[in-house]
Amino acid sequence: MDQERQPLGERELRVLALERRGFPGAGAKERAIREELGLAPVRYYQLLNALLDDPRALAADPVTVNRLRRVREARRTER
């Protein structure tokens, strides 16, 4: 079965769910990444960036993925 037909895994869905949440202050998101997902923030952001280019992620959570794509593009144009 090719990747496009396989559903997102639990970890990918949890990454998207974490991105839907708001965080109150500096360090809160990084703490949640470590505690809830067991990932280093650098690895988390690598996974998230790959998810933004994955059509399965777009199908699973179009609002979050499109918002994050806009943020990513805005940051790229600022550079």
C-alpha atoms as a PDB file:
ATOM      1  CA  MET A   1       0.000   0.000   0.000  1.00  0.00           C
ATOM      2  CA  ASP A   2       1.489   3.360  -0.937  1.00  0.00           C
ATOM      3  CA  GLN A   3       1.826   6.223   1.525  1.00  0.00           C
ATOM      4  CA  GLU A   4      -1.062   8.268   0.141  1.00  0.00           C
ATOM      5  CA  ARG A   5      -3.522   5.467   0.884  1.00  0.00           C
ATOM      6  CA  GLN A   6      -2.319   4.795   4.418  1.00  0.00           C
ATOM      7  CA  PRO A   7      -3.930   6.931   7.093  1.00  0.00           C
ATOM      8  CA  LEU A   8      -1.775   9.153   9.246  1.00  0.00           C
ATOM      9  CA  GLY A   9      -0.268   7.400  12.223  1.00  0.00           C
ATOM     10  CA  GLU A  10      -1.086   8.169  15.825  1.00  0.00           C
ATOM     11  CA  ARG A  11       2.042  10.302  16.269  1.00  0.00           C
ATOM     12  CA  GLU A  12       1.215  12.442  13.218  1.00  0.00           C
ATOM     13  CA  LEU A  13      -2.357  12.941  14.414  1.00  0.00           C
ATOM     14  CA  ARG A  14      -1.072  13.919  17.866  1.00  0.00           C
ATOM     15  CA  VAL A  15       1.294  16.475  16.302  1.00  0.00           C
ATOM     16  CA  LEU A  16      -1.621  18.069  14.439  1.00  0.00           C
ATOM     17  CA  ALA A  17      -3.752  18.027  17.603  1.00  0.00           C
ATOM     18  CA  LEU A  18      -1.001  19.786  19.541  1.00  0.00           C
ATOM     19  CA  GLU A  19      -0.800  22.450  16.826  1.00  0.00           C
ATOM     20  CA  ARG A  20      -4.533  23.165  17.174  1.00  0.00           C
ATOM     21  CA  ARG A  21      -4.054  24.165  20.811  1.00  0.00           C
ATOM     22  CA  GLY A  22      -3.057  27.537  22.181  1.00  0.00           C
ATOM     23  CA  PHE A  23      -0.232  27.852  24.668  1.00  0.00           C
ATOM     24  CA  PRO A  24      -0.139  30.452  27.444  1.00  0.00           C
ATOM     25  CA  GLY A  25       3.511  31.419  27.596  1.00  0.00           C
ATOM     26  CA  ALA A  26       7.070  30.904  26.523  1.00  0.00           C
ATOM     27  CA  GLY A  27       8.200  27.337  26.931  1.00  0.00           C
ATOM     28  CA  ALA A  28       4.698  25.891  27.413  1.00  0.00           C
ATOM     29  CA  LYS A  29       4.561  24.420  23.910  1.00  0.00           C
ATOM     30  CA  GLU A  30       8.060  22.940  24.135  1.00  0.00           C
ATOM     31  CA  ARG A  31       7.171  21.413  27.514  1.00  0.00           C
ATOM     32  CA  ALA A  32       3.996  19.884  26.023  1.00  0.00           C
ATOM     33  CA  ILE A  33       6.008  18.493  23.097  1.00  0.00           C
ATOM     34  CA  ARG A  34       8.402  16.753  25.477  1.00  0.00           C
ATOM     35  CA  GLU A  35       5.815  15.558  28.007  1.00  0.00           C
ATOM     36  CA  GLU A  36       2.970  14.537  25.705  1.00  0.00           C
ATOM     37  CA  LEU A  37       4.822  13.307  22.636  1.00  0.00           C
ATOM     38  CA  GLY A  38       8.177  12.328  24.107  1.00  0.00           C
ATOM     39  CA  LEU A  39       9.999  14.260  21.380  1.00  0.00           C
ATOM     40  CA  ALA A  40      12.715  16.863  21.392  1.00  0.00           C
ATOM     41  CA  PRO A  41      11.314  20.127  20.007  1.00  0.00           C
ATOM     42  CA  VAL A  42      13.751  20.031  17.064  1.00  0.00           C
ATOM     43  CA  ARG A  43      12.472  16.592  16.023  1.00  0.00           C
ATOM     44  CA  TYR A  44       8.876  17.728  16.519  1.00  0.00           C
ATOM     45  CA  TYR A  45       9.328  20.658  14.152  1.00  0.00           C
ATOM     46  CA  GLN A  46      11.004  18.399  11.590  1.00  0.00           C
ATOM     47  CA  LEU A  47       7.980  16.084  11.696  1.00  0.00           C
ATOM     48  CA  LEU A  48       5.568  19.009  11.569  1.00  0.00           C
ATOM     49  CA  ASN A  49       7.282  20.527   8.545  1.00  0.00           C
ATOM     50  CA  ALA A  50       7.098  17.200   6.709  1.00  0.00           C
ATOM     51  CA  LEU A  51       3.404  16.901   7.628  1.00  0.00           C
ATOM     52  CA  LEU A  52       2.664  20.270   6.049  1.00  0.00           C
ATOM     53  CA  ASP A  53       3.711  18.798   2.695  1.00  0.00           C
ATOM     54  CA  ASP A  54       1.766  15.553   3.191  1.00  0.00           C
ATOM     55  CA  PRO A  55      -1.612  15.393   1.388  1.00  0.00           C
ATOM     56  CA  ARG A  56      -2.881  13.006   4.081  1.00  0.00           C
ATOM     57  CA  ALA A  57      -2.354  15.687   6.740  1.00  0.00           C
ATOM     58  CA  LEU A  58      -4.213  18.213   4.602  1.00  0.00           C
ATOM     59  CA  ALA A  59      -7.110  15.762   4.259  1.00  0.00           C
ATOM     60  CA  ALA A  60      -7.102  14.995   8.003  1.00  0.00           C
ATOM     61  CA  ASP A  61      -6.985  18.601   9.246  1.00  0.00           C
ATOM     62  CA  PRO A  62      -7.232  21.161   6.430  1.00  0.00           C
ATOM     63  CA  VAL A  63      -7.764  24.189   8.672  1.00  0.00           C
ATOM     64  CA  THR A  64      -4.654  23.580  10.771  1.00  0.00           C
ATOM     65  CA  VAL A  65      -2.453  22.521   7.857  1.00  0.00           C
ATOM     66  CA  ASN A  66      -3.444  25.487   5.690  1.00  0.00           C
ATOM     67  CA  ARG A  67      -2.907  27.924   8.590  1.00  0.00           C
ATOM     68  CA  LEU A  68       0.550  26.494   9.259  1.00  0.00           C
ATOM     69  CA  ARG A  69       1.417  26.561   5.555  1.00  0.00           C
ATOM     70  CA  ARG A  70       0.558  30.279   5.479  1.00  0.00           C
ATOM     71  CA  VAL A  71       2.728  30.914   8.547  1.00  0.00           C
ATOM     72  CA  ARG A  72       5.605  28.968   7.014  1.00  0.00           C
ATOM     73  CA  GLU A  73       5.328  30.848   3.730  1.00  0.00           C
ATOM     74  CA  ALA A  74       5.211  34.222   5.505  1.00  0.00           C
ATOM     75  CA  ARG A  75       8.390  33.353   7.401  1.00  0.00           C
ATOM     76  CA  ARG A  76      10.117  32.298   4.188  1.00  0.00           C
ATOM     77  CA  THR A  77       9.258  35.584   2.468  1.00  0.00           C
ATOM     78  CA  GLU A  78      10.539  37.579   5.465  1.00  0.00           C
ATOM     79  CA  ARG A  79      14.028  36.133   4.992  1.00  0.00           C
END
